[in-house]
Amino acid sequence: MATATKKKESTNIKLQPLGDKIVVKREESEDRTEGGIYLPDSAKNKPTRGKVVSVGDGRLLDDGSRGAMQVKAGDRVLFTSYAGENIEIGDTEYVLMSEGEVLAILE
């Protein structure tokens, strides 16, 4: 008897944002509290920190030139929990947001 198996698709997708958009990979959320209590997935807050994966070319200015981006790939950034649009590629969750939604660069 034959059984059907689902092949896992490889996710070799490269995200290249346009304009002043950036792609951020969220940091992992904490699994337990400082007191040692383990948290279920439904009780975890989404982290508001992440690492910039890729950046766009910059905002288009009135004179037709592009404004320089303040963040670059590899920067750790802080943003609000409501920032951007969540995107899932494979098992990894990314956030696509405007550069203006970034509150700070963490060093």
C-alpha atoms as a PDB file:
ATOM      1  CA  MET A   1       0.000   0.000   0.000  1.00  0.00           C
ATOM      2  CA  ALA A   2       1.464   3.348  -0.992  1.00  0.00           C
ATOM      3  CA  THR A   3       1.279   6.395   1.226  1.00  0.00           C
ATOM      4  CA  ALA A   4       1.517   9.981   0.141  1.00  0.00           C
ATOM      5  CA  THR A   5       4.161  12.085   1.797  1.00  0.00           C
ATOM      6  CA  LYS A   6       4.398  15.820   1.638  1.00  0.00           C
ATOM      7  CA  LYS A   7       7.772  17.075   0.449  1.00  0.00           C
ATOM      8  CA  LYS A   8       9.247  19.939   2.375  1.00  0.00           C
ATOM      9  CA  GLU A   9       9.810  22.923   0.143  1.00  0.00           C
ATOM     10  CA  SER A  10      13.171  24.622   0.383  1.00  0.00           C
ATOM     11  CA  THR A  11      12.902  28.278   1.297  1.00  0.00           C
ATOM     12  CA  ASN A  12      15.642  29.962  -0.699  1.00  0.00           C
ATOM     13  CA  ILE A  13      13.687  33.186  -0.952  1.00  0.00           C
ATOM     14  CA  LYS A  14      15.538  36.480  -0.743  1.00  0.00           C
ATOM     15  CA  LEU A  15      13.441  39.426   0.437  1.00  0.00           C
ATOM     16  CA  GLN A  16      14.423  42.730  -1.162  1.00  0.00           C
ATOM     17  CA  PRO A  17      12.244  45.524   0.225  1.00  0.00           C
ATOM     18  CA  LEU A  18      11.418  48.560  -1.893  1.00  0.00           C
ATOM     19  CA  GLY A  19      11.867  52.242  -1.055  1.00  0.00           C
ATOM     20  CA  ASP A  20      12.247  52.975   2.660  1.00  0.00           C
ATOM     21  CA  LYS A  21      11.088  49.523   3.786  1.00  0.00           C
ATOM     22  CA  ILE A  22      13.195  47.111   5.854  1.00  0.00           C
ATOM     23  CA  VAL A  23      12.903  43.411   6.729  1.00  0.00           C
ATOM     24  CA  VAL A  24      13.504  42.503  10.389  1.00  0.00           C
ATOM     25  CA  LYS A  25      13.783  39.071  11.998  1.00  0.00           C
ATOM     26  CA  ARG A  26      12.250  39.205  15.487  1.00  0.00           C
ATOM     27  CA  GLU A  27      14.266  37.991  18.473  1.00  0.00           C
ATOM     28  CA  GLU A  28      12.978  34.899  20.250  1.00  0.00           C
ATOM     29  CA  SER A  29      10.554  35.518  23.109  1.00  0.00           C
ATOM     30  CA  GLU A  30      11.302  34.341  26.632  1.00  0.00           C
ATOM     31  CA  ASP A  31      10.035  30.878  27.542  1.00  0.00           C
ATOM     32  CA  ARG A  32       9.775  31.581  31.255  1.00  0.00           C
ATOM     33  CA  THR A  33       9.448  34.480  33.646  1.00  0.00           C
ATOM     34  CA  GLU A  34      12.099  35.750  36.046  1.00  0.00           C
ATOM     35  CA  GLY A  35      10.346  33.752  38.782  1.00  0.00           C
ATOM     36  CA  GLY A  36      10.820  30.520  36.802  1.00  0.00           C
ATOM     37  CA  ILE A  37       7.266  30.039  35.507  1.00  0.00           C
ATOM     38  CA  TYR A  38       7.130  28.553  32.003  1.00  0.00           C
ATOM     39  CA  LEU A  39       4.903  30.481  29.591  1.00  0.00           C
ATOM     40  CA  PRO A  40       2.675  28.894  26.935  1.00  0.00           C
ATOM     41  CA  ASP A  41       2.838  30.384  23.422  1.00  0.00           C
ATOM     42  CA  SER A  42      -0.497  32.159  23.905  1.00  0.00           C
ATOM     43  CA  ALA A  43       0.831  34.086  26.921  1.00  0.00           C
ATOM     44  CA  LYS A  44       4.088  35.256  25.356  1.00  0.00           C
ATOM     45  CA  ASN A  45       4.447  38.852  24.196  1.00  0.00           C
ATOM     46  CA  LYS A  46       5.912  39.375  20.755  1.00  0.00           C
ATOM     47  CA  PRO A  47       9.431  40.775  21.098  1.00  0.00           C
ATOM     48  CA  THR A  48       9.915  44.381  20.008  1.00  0.00           C
ATOM     49  CA  ARG A  49      13.548  43.845  19.099  1.00  0.00           C
ATOM     50  CA  GLY A  50      15.076  42.258  16.068  1.00  0.00           C
ATOM     51  CA  LYS A  51      17.893  42.114  13.567  1.00  0.00           C
ATOM     52  CA  VAL A  52      17.652  43.884  10.202  1.00  0.00           C
ATOM     53  CA  VAL A  53      17.910  41.301   7.416  1.00  0.00           C
ATOM     54  CA  SER A  54      17.688  43.599   4.386  1.00  0.00           C
ATOM     55  CA  VAL A  55      16.945  47.226   3.538  1.00  0.00           C
ATOM     56  CA  GLY A  56      15.473  49.052   0.550  1.00  0.00           C
ATOM     57  CA  ASP A  57      17.108  51.731  -1.593  1.00  0.00           C
ATOM     58  CA  GLY A  58      15.781  54.628   0.478  1.00  0.00           C
ATOM     59  CA  ARG A  59      12.848  57.003   0.289  1.00  0.00           C
ATOM     60  CA  LEU A  60      12.254  58.746  -3.035  1.00  0.00           C
ATOM     61  CA  LEU A  61      12.697  62.487  -2.519  1.00  0.00           C
ATOM     62  CA  ASP A  62      10.894  65.299  -4.377  1.00  0.00           C
ATOM     63  CA  ASP A  63      13.928  65.974  -6.588  1.00  0.00           C
ATOM     64  CA  GLY A  64      14.007  62.335  -7.766  1.00  0.00           C
ATOM     65  CA  SER A  65      17.000  61.243  -5.703  1.00  0.00           C
ATOM     66  CA  ARG A  66      16.973  58.628  -2.950  1.00  0.00           C
ATOM     67  CA  GLY A  67      17.398  59.512   0.727  1.00  0.00           C
ATOM     68  CA  ALA A  68      20.074  57.557   2.592  1.00  0.00           C
ATOM     69  CA  MET A  69      18.861  54.810   4.933  1.00  0.00           C
ATOM     70  CA  GLN A  70      19.788  55.206   8.613  1.00  0.00           C
ATOM     71  CA  VAL A  71      19.712  51.467   9.308  1.00  0.00           C
ATOM     72  CA  LYS A  72      21.682  48.781   7.521  1.00  0.00           C
ATOM     73  CA  ALA A  73      21.557  44.996   7.340  1.00  0.00           C
ATOM     74  CA  GLY A  74      22.874  43.468  10.552  1.00  0.00           C
ATOM     75  CA  ASP A  75      21.721  46.288  12.887  1.00  0.00           C
ATOM     76  CA  ARG A  76      19.739  45.333  16.009  1.00  0.00           C
ATOM     77  CA  VAL A  77      16.702  47.595  16.236  1.00  0.00           C
ATOM     78  CA  LEU A  78      13.879  48.430  18.639  1.00  0.00           C
ATOM     79  CA  PHE A  79      10.326  48.948  17.317  1.00  0.00           C
ATOM     80  CA  THR A  80       6.756  49.007  18.625  1.00  0.00           C
ATOM     81  CA  SER A  81       4.753  45.786  18.870  1.00  0.00           C
ATOM     82  CA  TYR A  82       2.294  47.122  16.268  1.00  0.00           C
ATOM     83  CA  ALA A  83       4.953  48.013  13.691  1.00  0.00           C
ATOM     84  CA  GLY A  84       4.969  46.578  10.207  1.00  0.00           C
ATOM     85  CA  GLU A  85       3.432  43.543   8.588  1.00  0.00           C
ATOM     86  CA  ASN A  86       4.249  40.014   9.785  1.00  0.00           C
ATOM     87  CA  ILE A  87       5.498  37.641   7.080  1.00  0.00           C
ATOM     88  CA  GLU A  88       6.218  33.933   7.511  1.00  0.00           C
ATOM     89  CA  ILE A  89       8.649  32.187   5.204  1.00  0.00           C
ATOM     90  CA  GLY A  90       9.149  28.567   6.105  1.00  0.00           C
ATOM     91  CA  ASP A  91       9.369  28.416   9.887  1.00  0.00           C
ATOM     92  CA  THR A  92      10.854  31.906  10.244  1.00  0.00           C
ATOM     93  CA  GLU A  93       8.789  35.001  11.021  1.00  0.00           C
ATOM     94  CA  TYR A  94       9.856  38.371   9.615  1.00  0.00           C
ATOM     95  CA  VAL A  95       8.449  41.876   9.952  1.00  0.00           C
ATOM     96  CA  LEU A  96       8.282  44.164   6.901  1.00  0.00           C
ATOM     97  CA  MET A  97       8.164  47.786   8.072  1.00  0.00           C
ATOM     98  CA  SER A  98       9.039  51.332   7.127  1.00  0.00           C
ATOM     99  CA  GLU A  99      12.310  52.724   8.366  1.00  0.00           C
ATOM    100  CA  GLY A 100      10.291  55.393  10.207  1.00  0.00           C
ATOM    101  CA  GLU A 101       8.745  52.706  12.445  1.00  0.00           C
ATOM    102  CA  VAL A 102      12.151  51.919  13.965  1.00  0.00           C
ATOM    103  CA  LEU A 103      12.491  53.620  17.353  1.00  0.00           C
ATOM    104  CA  ALA A 104      16.216  53.039  17.966  1.00  0.00           C
ATOM    105  CA  ILE A 105      19.300  51.121  16.887  1.00  0.00           C
ATOM    106  CA  LEU A 106      20.680  48.942  19.703  1.00  0.00           C
ATOM    107  CA  GLU A 107      24.444  48.722  20.130  1.00  0.00           C
END
